[in-house]
Amino acid sequence: MKKAARLKGKKEFDTVFTEGRSWANNFVVLRAVPNSAGVNRYGIVAGRRLGSAVVRNKAKRRLRAMVSSIAVREGWDIVLVARKAAVETDYHTLEKAARDLFARARLLGEDERAE
């Protein structure tokens, strides 16, 4: 994920958490709010309750890889929050859960909706 496609700083995360809508399942929480930048910006969150730094970083790497493989409509600030079950499941189950959240949020691009 390029630096321009990342949410940086507490203020940007707070905007998504206070003004955005939320969708959740057992593995991931998705929060999204439209932005005026015209590009998608992502934030990945893995709290300490998930486990050690190694475990948290693994969860964030998986979510980052999923974001790059899912075609999302442009113009959104999106935060993905990993839940405990995300650490304990395999990548494909986690990816399916993330795609389901993006579909429920109606954020999938034209390419993804055709599948």
PDB file of N, CA and C in Angstrom:
ATOM      1  N   MET A   1       0.851  -1.172   0.000  1.00  0.00           N
ATOM      2  CA  MET A   1       0.000   0.000   0.000  1.00  0.00           C
ATOM      3  C   MET A   1       0.905   1.246   0.000  1.00  0.00           C
ATOM      4  N   LYS A   2       0.684   2.142  -0.929  1.00  0.00           N
ATOM      5  CA  LYS A   2       1.496   3.348  -1.035  1.00  0.00           C
ATOM      6  C   LYS A   2       1.154   4.319   0.090  1.00  0.00           C
ATOM      7  N   LYS A   3       2.089   5.213   0.385  1.00  0.00           N
ATOM      8  CA  LYS A   3       1.892   6.163   1.477  1.00  0.00           C
ATOM      9  C   LYS A   3       0.693   7.070   1.228  1.00  0.00           C
ATOM     10  N   ALA A   4       0.432   7.427  -0.019  1.00  0.00           N
ATOM     11  CA  ALA A   4      -0.699   8.291  -0.332  1.00  0.00           C
ATOM     12  C   ALA A   4      -2.025   7.588  -0.062  1.00  0.00           C
ATOM     13  N   ALA A   5      -2.005   6.267   0.004  1.00  0.00           N
ATOM     14  CA  ALA A   5      -3.227   5.494   0.211  1.00  0.00           C
ATOM     15  C   ALA A   5      -3.417   5.105   1.674  1.00  0.00           C
ATOM     16  N   ARG A   6      -2.689   5.765   2.581  1.00  0.00           N
ATOM     17  CA  ARG A   6      -2.794   5.435   3.991  1.00  0.00           C
ATOM     18  C   ARG A   6      -3.416   6.587   4.776  1.00  0.00           C
ATOM     19  N   LEU A   7      -4.165   6.225   5.791  1.00  0.00           N
ATOM     20  CA  LEU A   7      -4.610   7.220   6.753  1.00  0.00           C
ATOM     21  C   LEU A   7      -3.461   7.444   7.709  1.00  0.00           C
ATOM     22  N   LYS A   8      -3.146   8.711   7.965  1.00  0.00           N
ATOM     23  CA  LYS A   8      -2.044   9.021   8.859  1.00  0.00           C
ATOM     24  C   LYS A   8      -2.557   9.948   9.956  1.00  0.00           C
ATOM     25  N   GLY A   9      -2.193   9.667  11.141  1.00  0.00           N
ATOM     26  CA  GLY A   9      -2.506  10.566  12.240  1.00  0.00           C
ATOM     27  C   GLY A   9      -3.841  10.298  12.911  1.00  0.00           C
ATOM     28  N   LYS A  10      -3.895  10.675  14.152  1.00  0.00           N
ATOM     29  CA  LYS A  10      -5.071  10.456  14.986  1.00  0.00           C
ATOM     30  C   LYS A  10      -6.300  11.173  14.438  1.00  0.00           C
ATOM     31  N   LYS A  11      -6.126  12.371  13.920  1.00  0.00           N
ATOM     32  CA  LYS A  11      -7.256  13.159  13.430  1.00  0.00           C
ATOM     33  C   LYS A  11      -7.984  12.449  12.287  1.00  0.00           C
ATOM     34  N   GLU A  12      -7.241  11.867  11.352  1.00  0.00           N
ATOM     35  CA  GLU A  12      -7.865  11.168  10.221  1.00  0.00           C
ATOM     36  C   GLU A  12      -8.593   9.909  10.676  1.00  0.00           C
ATOM     37  N   PHE A  13      -7.994   9.155  11.610  1.00  0.00           N
ATOM     38  CA  PHE A  13      -8.662   7.974  12.145  1.00  0.00           C
ATOM     39  C   PHE A  13      -9.919   8.372  12.918  1.00  0.00           C
ATOM     40  N   ASP A  14      -9.809   9.430  13.726  1.00  0.00           N
ATOM     41  CA  ASP A  14     -10.967   9.888  14.508  1.00  0.00           C
ATOM     42  C   ASP A  14     -12.124  10.297  13.617  1.00  0.00           C
ATOM     43  N   THR A  15     -11.822  10.918  12.481  1.00  0.00           N
ATOM     44  CA  THR A  15     -12.871  11.309  11.537  1.00  0.00           C
ATOM     45  C   THR A  15     -13.630  10.084  11.050  1.00  0.00           C
ATOM     46  N   VAL A  16     -12.918   9.034  10.707  1.00  0.00           N
ATOM     47  CA  VAL A  16     -13.569   7.813  10.235  1.00  0.00           C
ATOM     48  C   VAL A  16     -14.393   7.186  11.356  1.00  0.00           C
ATOM     49  N   PHE A  17     -13.855   7.159  12.569  1.00  0.00           N
ATOM     50  CA  PHE A  17     -14.560   6.523  13.672  1.00  0.00           C
ATOM     51  C   PHE A  17     -15.778   7.321  14.132  1.00  0.00           C
ATOM     52  N   THR A  18     -15.740   8.650  14.032  1.00  0.00           N
ATOM     53  CA  THR A  18     -16.876   9.445  14.505  1.00  0.00           C
ATOM     54  C   THR A  18     -17.922   9.683  13.424  1.00  0.00           C
ATOM     55  N   GLU A  19     -17.493   9.929  12.191  1.00  0.00           N
ATOM     56  CA  GLU A  19     -18.436  10.273  11.133  1.00  0.00           C
ATOM     57  C   GLU A  19     -18.819   9.106  10.235  1.00  0.00           C
ATOM     58  N   GLY A  20     -18.026   8.037  10.252  1.00  0.00           N
ATOM     59  CA  GLY A  20     -18.242   6.936   9.321  1.00  0.00           C
ATOM     60  C   GLY A  20     -19.264   5.925   9.782  1.00  0.00           C
ATOM     61  N   ARG A  21     -19.677   5.081   8.853  1.00  0.00           N
ATOM     62  CA  ARG A  21     -20.565   3.957   9.152  1.00  0.00           C
ATOM     63  C   ARG A  21     -19.728   2.730   9.432  1.00  0.00           C
ATOM     64  N   SER A  22     -20.346   1.749  10.082  1.00  0.00           N
ATOM     65  CA  SER A  22     -19.615   0.564  10.499  1.00  0.00           C
ATOM     66  C   SER A  22     -20.343  -0.697  10.067  1.00  0.00           C
ATOM     67  N   TRP A  23     -19.567  -1.687   9.632  1.00  0.00           N
ATOM     68  CA  TRP A  23     -20.064  -3.030   9.307  1.00  0.00           C
ATOM     69  C   TRP A  23     -19.105  -4.007   9.960  1.00  0.00           C
ATOM     70  N   ALA A  24     -19.630  -5.115  10.471  1.00  0.00           N
ATOM     71  CA  ALA A  24     -18.759  -6.038  11.198  1.00  0.00           C
ATOM     72  C   ALA A  24     -19.171  -7.480  10.978  1.00  0.00           C
ATOM     73  N   ASN A  25     -18.222  -8.369  11.157  1.00  0.00           N
ATOM     74  CA  ASN A  25     -18.467  -9.798  11.245  1.00  0.00           C
ATOM     75  C   ASN A  25     -17.538 -10.343  12.319  1.00  0.00           C
ATOM     76  N   ASN A  26     -17.403 -11.642  12.417  1.00  0.00           N
ATOM     77  CA  ASN A  26     -16.595 -12.235  13.484  1.00  0.00           C
ATOM     78  C   ASN A  26     -15.105 -11.935  13.360  1.00  0.00           C
ATOM     79  N   PHE A  27     -14.632 -11.580  12.169  1.00  0.00           N
ATOM     80  CA  PHE A  27     -13.206 -11.438  11.916  1.00  0.00           C
ATOM     81  C   PHE A  27     -12.725  -9.994  11.811  1.00  0.00           C
ATOM     82  N   VAL A  28     -13.547  -9.129  11.214  1.00  0.00           N
ATOM     83  CA  VAL A  28     -13.109  -7.767  10.898  1.00  0.00           C
ATOM     84  C   VAL A  28     -14.254  -6.785  11.120  1.00  0.00           C
ATOM     85  N   VAL A  29     -13.887  -5.572  11.517  1.00  0.00           N
ATOM     86  CA  VAL A  29     -14.826  -4.453  11.556  1.00  0.00           C
ATOM     87  C   VAL A  29     -14.379  -3.485  10.469  1.00  0.00           C
ATOM     88  N   LEU A  30     -15.304  -3.056   9.621  1.00  0.00           N
ATOM     89  CA  LEU A  30     -15.012  -2.106   8.551  1.00  0.00           C
ATOM     90  C   LEU A  30     -15.727  -0.804   8.877  1.00  0.00           C
ATOM     91  N   ARG A  31     -14.995   0.281   8.873  1.00  0.00           N
ATOM     92  CA  ARG A  31     -15.582   1.609   9.054  1.00  0.00           C
ATOM     93  C   ARG A  31     -15.211   2.430   7.824  1.00  0.00           C
ATOM     94  N   ALA A  32     -16.181   3.171   7.289  1.00  0.00           N
ATOM     95  CA  ALA A  32     -15.917   3.925   6.063  1.00  0.00           C
ATOM     96  C   ALA A  32     -16.655   5.261   6.087  1.00  0.00           C
ATOM     97  N   VAL A  33     -16.019   6.247   5.491  1.00  0.00           N
ATOM     98  CA  VAL A  33     -16.609   7.570   5.329  1.00  0.00           C
ATOM     99  C   VAL A  33     -16.117   8.124   3.984  1.00  0.00           C
ATOM    100  N   PRO A  34     -16.990   8.775   3.215  1.00  0.00           N
ATOM    101  CA  PRO A  34     -16.543   9.356   1.940  1.00  0.00           C
ATOM    102  C   PRO A  34     -15.533  10.481   2.184  1.00  0.00           C
ATOM    103  N   ASN A  35     -14.572  10.621   1.270  1.00  0.00           N
ATOM    104  CA  ASN A  35     -13.610  11.719   1.377  1.00  0.00           C
ATOM    105  C   ASN A  35     -13.675  12.570   0.113  1.00  0.00           C
ATOM    106  N   SER A  36     -13.026  13.707   0.173  1.00  0.00           N
ATOM    107  CA  SER A  36     -13.027  14.604  -0.992  1.00  0.00           C
ATOM    108  C   SER A  36     -11.754  14.442  -1.818  1.00  0.00           C
ATOM    109  N   ALA A  37     -10.896  13.519  -1.443  1.00  0.00           N
ATOM    110  CA  ALA A  37      -9.612  13.344  -2.130  1.00  0.00           C
ATOM    111  C   ALA A  37      -9.757  12.627  -3.470  1.00  0.00           C
ATOM    112  N   GLY A  38     -10.826  11.850  -3.648  1.00  0.00           N
ATOM    113  CA  GLY A  38     -11.016  11.132  -4.895  1.00  0.00           C
ATOM    114  C   GLY A  38     -10.255   9.820  -4.974  1.00  0.00           C
ATOM    115  N   VAL A  39      -9.488   9.503  -3.948  1.00  0.00           N
ATOM    116  CA  VAL A  39      -8.782   8.229  -3.865  1.00  0.00           C
ATOM    117  C   VAL A  39      -9.136   7.569  -2.543  1.00  0.00           C
ATOM    118  N   ASN A  40      -8.931   6.274  -2.486  1.00  0.00           N
ATOM    119  CA  ASN A  40      -9.172   5.553  -1.234  1.00  0.00           C
ATOM    120  C   ASN A  40      -7.946   5.654  -0.340  1.00  0.00           C
ATOM    121  N   ARG A  41      -8.221   5.847   0.952  1.00  0.00           N
ATOM    122  CA  ARG A  41      -7.158   5.829   1.943  1.00  0.00           C
ATOM    123  C   ARG A  41      -7.556   4.814   3.002  1.00  0.00           C
ATOM    124  N   TYR A  42      -6.594   3.997   3.417  1.00  0.00           N
ATOM    125  CA  TYR A  42      -6.872   2.894   4.331  1.00  0.00           C
ATOM    126  C   TYR A  42      -6.097   3.028   5.627  1.00  0.00           C
ATOM    127  N   GLY A  43      -6.712   2.549   6.688  1.00  0.00           N
ATOM    128  CA  GLY A  43      -6.054   2.412   7.979  1.00  0.00           C
ATOM    129  C   GLY A  43      -6.312   1.002   8.485  1.00  0.00           C
ATOM    130  N   ILE A  44      -5.302   0.381   9.029  1.00  0.00           N
ATOM    131  CA  ILE A  44      -5.416  -0.976   9.561  1.00  0.00           C
ATOM    132  C   ILE A  44      -5.130  -0.898  11.056  1.00  0.00           C
ATOM    133  N   VAL A  45      -6.031  -1.486  11.861  1.00  0.00           N
ATOM    134  CA  VAL A  45      -5.882  -1.430  13.310  1.00  0.00           C
ATOM    135  C   VAL A  45      -5.889  -2.842  13.865  1.00  0.00           C
ATOM    136  N   ALA A  46      -4.923  -3.127  14.743  1.00  0.00           N
ATOM    137  CA  ALA A  46      -4.866  -4.395  15.462  1.00  0.00           C
ATOM    138  C   ALA A  46      -4.501  -4.064  16.905  1.00  0.00           C
ATOM    139  N   GLY A  47      -5.471  -4.170  17.789  1.00  0.00           N
ATOM    140  CA  GLY A  47      -5.257  -3.794  19.183  1.00  0.00           C
ATOM    141  C   GLY A  47      -4.438  -4.814  19.950  1.00  0.00           C
ATOM    142  N   ARG A  48      -4.005  -4.417  21.124  1.00  0.00           N
ATOM    143  CA  ARG A  48      -3.161  -5.276  21.955  1.00  0.00           C
ATOM    144  C   ARG A  48      -3.851  -6.543  22.411  1.00  0.00           C
ATOM    145  N   ARG A  49      -5.158  -6.528  22.473  1.00  0.00           N
ATOM    146  CA  ARG A  49      -5.867  -7.728  22.936  1.00  0.00           C
ATOM    147  C   ARG A  49      -5.709  -8.903  21.969  1.00  0.00           C
ATOM    148  N   LEU A  50      -5.238  -8.637  20.746  1.00  0.00           N
ATOM    149  CA  LEU A  50      -5.013  -9.720  19.785  1.00  0.00           C
ATOM    150  C   LEU A  50      -3.837 -10.598  20.182  1.00  0.00           C
ATOM    151  N   GLY A  51      -2.853 -10.014  20.851  1.00  0.00           N
ATOM    152  CA  GLY A  51      -1.694 -10.796  21.244  1.00  0.00           C
ATOM    153  C   GLY A  51      -0.420  -9.990  21.142  1.00  0.00           C
ATOM    154  N   SER A  52       0.680 -10.684  20.966  1.00  0.00           N
ATOM    155  CA  SER A  52       1.989 -10.040  20.904  1.00  0.00           C
ATOM    156  C   SER A  52       2.140  -9.226  19.620  1.00  0.00           C
ATOM    157  N   ALA A  53       3.232  -8.488  19.540  1.00  0.00           N
ATOM    158  CA  ALA A  53       3.497  -7.670  18.357  1.00  0.00           C
ATOM    159  C   ALA A  53       3.579  -8.525  17.102  1.00  0.00           C
ATOM    160  N   VAL A  54       4.127  -9.710  17.214  1.00  0.00           N
ATOM    161  CA  VAL A  54       4.241 -10.614  16.069  1.00  0.00           C
ATOM    162  C   VAL A  54       2.850 -10.973  15.554  1.00  0.00           C
ATOM    163  N   VAL A  55       1.938 -11.286  16.450  1.00  0.00           N
ATOM    164  CA  VAL A  55       0.574 -11.661  16.082  1.00  0.00           C
ATOM    165  C   VAL A  55      -0.168 -10.471  15.475  1.00  0.00           C
ATOM    166  N   ARG A  56      -0.021  -9.305  16.097  1.00  0.00           N
ATOM    167  CA  ARG A  56      -0.695  -8.104  15.584  1.00  0.00           C
ATOM    168  C   ARG A  56      -0.182  -7.741  14.197  1.00  0.00           C
ATOM    169  N   ASN A  57       1.128  -7.817  13.994  1.00  0.00           N
ATOM    170  CA  ASN A  57       1.701  -7.492  12.688  1.00  0.00           C
ATOM    171  C   ASN A  57       1.259  -8.484  11.619  1.00  0.00           C
ATOM    172  N   LYS A  58       1.128  -9.743  11.981  1.00  0.00           N
ATOM    173  CA  LYS A  58       0.641 -10.745  11.028  1.00  0.00           C
ATOM    174  C   LYS A  58      -0.783 -10.411  10.596  1.00  0.00           C
ATOM    175  N   ALA A  59      -1.630 -10.042  11.545  1.00  0.00           N
ATOM    176  CA  ALA A  59      -3.014  -9.677  11.223  1.00  0.00           C
ATOM    177  C   ALA A  59      -3.038  -8.454  10.306  1.00  0.00           C
ATOM    178  N   LYS A  60      -2.207  -7.461  10.592  1.00  0.00           N
ATOM    179  CA  LYS A  60      -2.180  -6.253   9.758  1.00  0.00           C
ATOM    180  C   LYS A  60      -1.657  -6.553   8.354  1.00  0.00           C
ATOM    181  N   ARG A  61      -0.632  -7.407   8.258  1.00  0.00           N
ATOM    182  CA  ARG A  61      -0.112  -7.781   6.930  1.00  0.00           C
ATOM    183  C   ARG A  61      -1.182  -8.457   6.104  1.00  0.00           C
ATOM    184  N   ARG A  62      -1.926  -9.374   6.717  1.00  0.00           N
ATOM    185  CA  ARG A  62      -2.999 -10.072   5.995  1.00  0.00           C
ATOM    186  C   ARG A  62      -4.057  -9.085   5.506  1.00  0.00           C
ATOM    187  N   LEU A  63      -4.482  -8.172   6.370  1.00  0.00           N
ATOM    188  CA  LEU A  63      -5.502  -7.200   5.971  1.00  0.00           C
ATOM    189  C   LEU A  63      -4.977  -6.276   4.873  1.00  0.00           C
ATOM    190  N   ARG A  64      -3.731  -5.867   4.965  1.00  0.00           N
ATOM    191  CA  ARG A  64      -3.136  -5.021   3.932  1.00  0.00           C
ATOM    192  C   ARG A  64      -3.110  -5.733   2.584  1.00  0.00           C
ATOM    193  N   ALA A  65      -2.772  -7.025   2.593  1.00  0.00           N
ATOM    194  CA  ALA A  65      -2.744  -7.803   1.351  1.00  0.00           C
ATOM    195  C   ALA A  65      -4.147  -7.921   0.765  1.00  0.00           C
ATOM    196  N   MET A  66      -5.133  -8.094   1.612  1.00  0.00           N
ATOM    197  CA  MET A  66      -6.516  -8.204   1.129  1.00  0.00           C
ATOM    198  C   MET A  66      -6.989  -6.906   0.489  1.00  0.00           C
ATOM    199  N   VAL A  67      -6.656  -5.796   1.122  1.00  0.00           N
ATOM    200  CA  VAL A  67      -7.072  -4.499   0.597  1.00  0.00           C
ATOM    201  C   VAL A  67      -6.533  -4.292  -0.810  1.00  0.00           C
ATOM    202  N   SER A  68      -5.305  -4.711  -1.041  1.00  0.00           N
ATOM    203  CA  SER A  68      -4.718  -4.521  -2.365  1.00  0.00           C
ATOM    204  C   SER A  68      -5.322  -5.462  -3.408  1.00  0.00           C
ATOM    205  N   SER A  69      -5.955  -6.548  -2.971  1.00  0.00           N
ATOM    206  CA  SER A  69      -6.533  -7.494  -3.927  1.00  0.00           C
ATOM    207  C   SER A  69      -8.022  -7.255  -4.193  1.00  0.00           C
ATOM    208  N   ILE A  70      -8.655  -6.363  -3.424  1.00  0.00           N
ATOM    209  CA  ILE A  70     -10.084  -6.095  -3.585  1.00  0.00           C
ATOM    210  C   ILE A  70     -10.256  -4.750  -4.283  1.00  0.00           C
ATOM    211  N   ALA A  71     -11.015  -4.739  -5.364  1.00  0.00           N
ATOM    212  CA  ALA A  71     -11.291  -3.498  -6.093  1.00  0.00           C
ATOM    213  C   ALA A  71     -12.424  -2.752  -5.385  1.00  0.00           C
ATOM    214  N   VAL A  72     -12.099  -1.575  -4.861  1.00  0.00           N
ATOM    215  CA  VAL A  72     -13.054  -0.786  -4.092  1.00  0.00           C
ATOM    216  C   VAL A  72     -13.333   0.513  -4.833  1.00  0.00           C
ATOM    217  N   ARG A  73     -14.585   0.981  -4.761  1.00  0.00           N
ATOM    218  CA  ARG A  73     -14.940   2.260  -5.381  1.00  0.00           C
ATOM    219  C   ARG A  73     -14.058   3.373  -4.827  1.00  0.00           C
ATOM    220  N   GLU A  74     -13.762   4.350  -5.651  1.00  0.00           N
ATOM    221  CA  GLU A  74     -12.856   5.439  -5.274  1.00  0.00           C
ATOM    222  C   GLU A  74     -13.557   6.473  -4.389  1.00  0.00           C
ATOM    223  N   GLY A  75     -12.742   7.141  -3.555  1.00  0.00           N
ATOM    224  CA  GLY A  75     -13.233   8.266  -2.776  1.00  0.00           C
ATOM    225  C   GLY A  75     -13.681   7.932  -1.364  1.00  0.00           C
ATOM    226  N   TRP A  76     -13.028   6.980  -0.714  1.00  0.00           N
ATOM    227  CA  TRP A  76     -13.419   6.579   0.634  1.00  0.00           C
ATOM    228  C   TRP A  76     -12.215   6.522   1.567  1.00  0.00           C
ATOM    229  N   ASP A  77     -12.440   6.894   2.824  1.00  0.00           N
ATOM    230  CA  ASP A  77     -11.491   6.631   3.894  1.00  0.00           C
ATOM    231  C   ASP A  77     -12.017   5.407   4.622  1.00  0.00           C
ATOM    232  N   ILE A  78     -11.198   4.363   4.710  1.00  0.00           N
ATOM    233  CA  ILE A  78     -11.638   3.074   5.242  1.00  0.00           C
ATOM    234  C   ILE A  78     -10.678   2.621   6.336  1.00  0.00           C
ATOM    235  N   VAL A  79     -11.243   2.187   7.459  1.00  0.00           N
ATOM    236  CA  VAL A  79     -10.450   1.608   8.541  1.00  0.00           C
ATOM    237  C   VAL A  79     -10.914   0.175   8.741  1.00  0.00           C
ATOM    238  N   LEU A  80      -9.970  -0.756   8.751  1.00  0.00           N
ATOM    239  CA  LEU A  80     -10.248  -2.164   9.042  1.00  0.00           C
ATOM    240  C   LEU A  80      -9.671  -2.489  10.415  1.00  0.00           C
ATOM    241  N   VAL A  81     -10.506  -3.025  11.292  1.00  0.00           N
ATOM    242  CA  VAL A  81     -10.092  -3.379  12.642  1.00  0.00           C
ATOM    243  C   VAL A  81     -10.123  -4.895  12.759  1.00  0.00           C
ATOM    244  N   ALA A  82      -8.975  -5.483  13.063  1.00  0.00           N
ATOM    245  CA  ALA A  82      -8.880  -6.938  13.204  1.00  0.00           C
ATOM    246  C   ALA A  82      -9.464  -7.366  14.547  1.00  0.00           C
ATOM    247  N   ARG A  83     -10.231  -8.438  14.532  1.00  0.00           N
ATOM    248  CA  ARG A  83     -10.752  -9.035  15.760  1.00  0.00           C
ATOM    249  C   ARG A  83      -9.942 -10.283  16.084  1.00  0.00           C
ATOM    250  N   LYS A  84     -10.121 -10.800  17.282  1.00  0.00           N
ATOM    251  CA  LYS A  84      -9.357 -11.959  17.761  1.00  0.00           C
ATOM    252  C   LYS A  84      -9.475 -13.155  16.818  1.00  0.00           C
ATOM    253  N   ALA A  85     -10.662 -13.394  16.281  1.00  0.00           N
ATOM    254  CA  ALA A  85     -10.868 -14.536  15.384  1.00  0.00           C
ATOM    255  C   ALA A  85     -10.063 -14.405  14.094  1.00  0.00           C
ATOM    256  N   ALA A  86      -9.703 -13.185  13.704  1.00  0.00           N
ATOM    257  CA  ALA A  86      -8.915 -12.977  12.482  1.00  0.00           C
ATOM    258  C   ALA A  86      -7.527 -13.589  12.607  1.00  0.00           C
ATOM    259  N   VAL A  87      -7.016 -13.630  13.809  1.00  0.00           N
ATOM    260  CA  VAL A  87      -5.690 -14.189  14.046  1.00  0.00           C
ATOM    261  C   VAL A  87      -5.734 -15.708  13.964  1.00  0.00           C
ATOM    262  N   GLU A  88      -6.856 -16.279  14.351  1.00  0.00           N
ATOM    263  CA  GLU A  88      -6.964 -17.727  14.481  1.00  0.00           C
ATOM    264  C   GLU A  88      -7.455 -18.432  13.220  1.00  0.00           C
ATOM    265  N   THR A  89      -7.816 -17.695  12.192  1.00  0.00           N
ATOM    266  CA  THR A  89      -8.359 -18.305  10.972  1.00  0.00           C
ATOM    267  C   THR A  89      -7.339 -18.248   9.837  1.00  0.00           C
ATOM    268  N   ASP A  90      -7.646 -18.967   8.765  1.00  0.00           N
ATOM    269  CA  ASP A  90      -6.737 -18.958   7.616  1.00  0.00           C
ATOM    270  C   ASP A  90      -7.017 -17.750   6.716  1.00  0.00           C
ATOM    271  N   TYR A  91      -6.094 -17.488   5.804  1.00  0.00           N
ATOM    272  CA  TYR A  91      -6.148 -16.305   4.957  1.00  0.00           C
ATOM    273  C   TYR A  91      -7.398 -16.278   4.081  1.00  0.00           C
ATOM    274  N   HIS A  92      -7.763 -17.393   3.487  1.00  0.00           N
ATOM    275  CA  HIS A  92      -8.878 -17.413   2.541  1.00  0.00           C
ATOM    276  C   HIS A  92     -10.214 -17.144   3.230  1.00  0.00           C
ATOM    277  N   THR A  93     -10.392 -17.653   4.430  1.00  0.00           N
ATOM    278  CA  THR A  93     -11.601 -17.368   5.190  1.00  0.00           C
ATOM    279  C   THR A  93     -11.659 -15.888   5.548  1.00  0.00           C
ATOM    280  N   LEU A  94     -10.530 -15.342   5.934  1.00  0.00           N
ATOM    281  CA  LEU A  94     -10.457 -13.929   6.277  1.00  0.00           C
ATOM    282  C   LEU A  94     -10.731 -13.046   5.057  1.00  0.00           C
ATOM    283  N   GLU A  95     -10.193 -13.435   3.907  1.00  0.00           N
ATOM    284  CA  GLU A  95     -10.424 -12.662   2.683  1.00  0.00           C
ATOM    285  C   GLU A  95     -11.898 -12.698   2.285  1.00  0.00           C
ATOM    286  N   LYS A  96     -12.524 -13.851   2.405  1.00  0.00           N
ATOM    287  CA  LYS A  96     -13.951 -13.977   2.088  1.00  0.00           C
ATOM    288  C   LYS A  96     -14.776 -13.095   3.019  1.00  0.00           C
ATOM    289  N   ALA A  97     -14.426 -13.065   4.294  1.00  0.00           N
ATOM    290  CA  ALA A  97     -15.133 -12.233   5.267  1.00  0.00           C
ATOM    291  C   ALA A  97     -14.966 -10.752   4.939  1.00  0.00           C
ATOM    292  N   ALA A  98     -13.761 -10.354   4.536  1.00  0.00           N
ATOM    293  CA  ALA A  98     -13.507  -8.952   4.179  1.00  0.00           C
ATOM    294  C   ALA A  98     -14.278  -8.566   2.917  1.00  0.00           C
ATOM    295  N   ARG A  99     -14.290  -9.439   1.907  1.00  0.00           N
ATOM    296  CA  ARG A  99     -15.062  -9.159   0.689  1.00  0.00           C
ATOM    297  C   ARG A  99     -16.548  -9.024   1.001  1.00  0.00           C
ATOM    298  N   ASP A 100     -17.033  -9.858   1.909  1.00  0.00           N
ATOM    299  CA  ASP A 100     -18.429  -9.785   2.319  1.00  0.00           C
ATOM    300  C   ASP A 100     -18.738  -8.427   2.963  1.00  0.00           C
ATOM    301  N   LEU A 101     -17.832  -7.938   3.798  1.00  0.00           N
ATOM    302  CA  LEU A 101     -18.046  -6.627   4.418  1.00  0.00           C
ATOM    303  C   LEU A 101     -18.058  -5.508   3.385  1.00  0.00           C
ATOM    304  N   PHE A 102     -17.120  -5.546   2.448  1.00  0.00           N
ATOM    305  CA  PHE A 102     -17.101  -4.516   1.405  1.00  0.00           C
ATOM    306  C   PHE A 102     -18.374  -4.586   0.563  1.00  0.00           C
ATOM    307  N   ALA A 103     -18.877  -5.779   0.315  1.00  0.00           N
ATOM    308  CA  ALA A 103     -20.120  -5.925  -0.446  1.00  0.00           C
ATOM    309  C   ALA A 103     -21.306  -5.365   0.342  1.00  0.00           C
ATOM    310  N   ARG A 104     -21.374  -5.679   1.630  1.00  0.00           N
ATOM    311  CA  ARG A 104     -22.459  -5.168   2.461  1.00  0.00           C
ATOM    312  C   ARG A 104     -22.418  -3.652   2.557  1.00  0.00           C
ATOM    313  N   ALA A 105     -21.211  -3.087   2.542  1.00  0.00           N
ATOM    314  CA  ALA A 105     -21.046  -1.638   2.609  1.00  0.00           C
ATOM    315  C   ALA A 105     -21.249  -0.977   1.246  1.00  0.00           C
ATOM    316  N   ARG A 106     -21.448  -1.798   0.213  1.00  0.00           N
ATOM    317  CA  ARG A 106     -21.618  -1.320  -1.170  1.00  0.00           C
ATOM    318  C   ARG A 106     -20.418  -0.500  -1.633  1.00  0.00           C
ATOM    319  N   LEU A 107     -19.241  -1.001  -1.301  1.00  0.00           N
ATOM    320  CA  LEU A 107     -18.008  -0.324  -1.684  1.00  0.00           C
ATOM    321  C   LEU A 107     -17.247  -1.049  -2.786  1.00  0.00           C
ATOM    322  N   LEU A 108     -17.725  -2.203  -3.212  1.00  0.00           N
ATOM    323  CA  LEU A 108     -17.031  -2.954  -4.254  1.00  0.00           C
ATOM    324  C   LEU A 108     -17.103  -2.226  -5.590  1.00  0.00           C
ATOM    325  N   GLY A 109     -15.996  -2.279  -6.320  1.00  0.00           N
ATOM    326  CA  GLY A 109     -15.958  -1.689  -7.643  1.00  0.00           C
ATOM    327  C   GLY A 109     -16.691  -2.544  -8.649  1.00  0.00           C
ATOM    328  N   GLU A 110     -16.772  -2.091  -9.873  1.00  0.00           N
ATOM    329  CA  GLU A 110     -17.481  -2.810 -10.937  1.00  0.00           C
ATOM    330  C   GLU A 110     -16.909  -4.197 -11.173  1.00  0.00           C
ATOM    331  N   ASP A 111     -15.566  -4.317 -11.108  1.00  0.00           N
ATOM    332  CA  ASP A 111     -14.903  -5.605 -11.358  1.00  0.00           C
ATOM    333  C   ASP A 111     -15.336  -6.649 -10.345  1.00  0.00           C
ATOM    334  N   GLU A 112     -15.415  -6.262  -9.096  1.00  0.00           N
ATOM    335  CA  GLU A 112     -15.735  -7.211  -8.027  1.00  0.00           C
ATOM    336  C   GLU A 112     -17.201  -7.641  -8.052  1.00  0.00           C
ATOM    337  N   ARG A 113     -18.087  -6.730  -8.383  1.00  0.00           N
ATOM    338  CA  ARG A 113     -19.513  -7.039  -8.361  1.00  0.00           C
ATOM    339  C   ARG A 113     -19.890  -8.044  -9.446  1.00  0.00           C
ATOM    340  N   ALA A 114     -19.111  -8.088 -10.525  1.00  0.00           N
ATOM    341  CA  ALA A 114     -19.424  -9.002 -11.622  1.00  0.00           C
ATOM    342  C   ALA A 114     -19.150 -10.455 -11.255  1.00  0.00           C
ATOM    343  N   GLU A 115     -18.263 -10.684 -10.283  1.00  0.00           N
ATOM    344  CA  GLU A 115     -17.887 -12.057  -9.920  1.00  0.00           C
ATOM    345  C   GLU A 115     -18.971 -12.779  -9.184  1.00  0.00           C
TER     346      GLU A 115
END
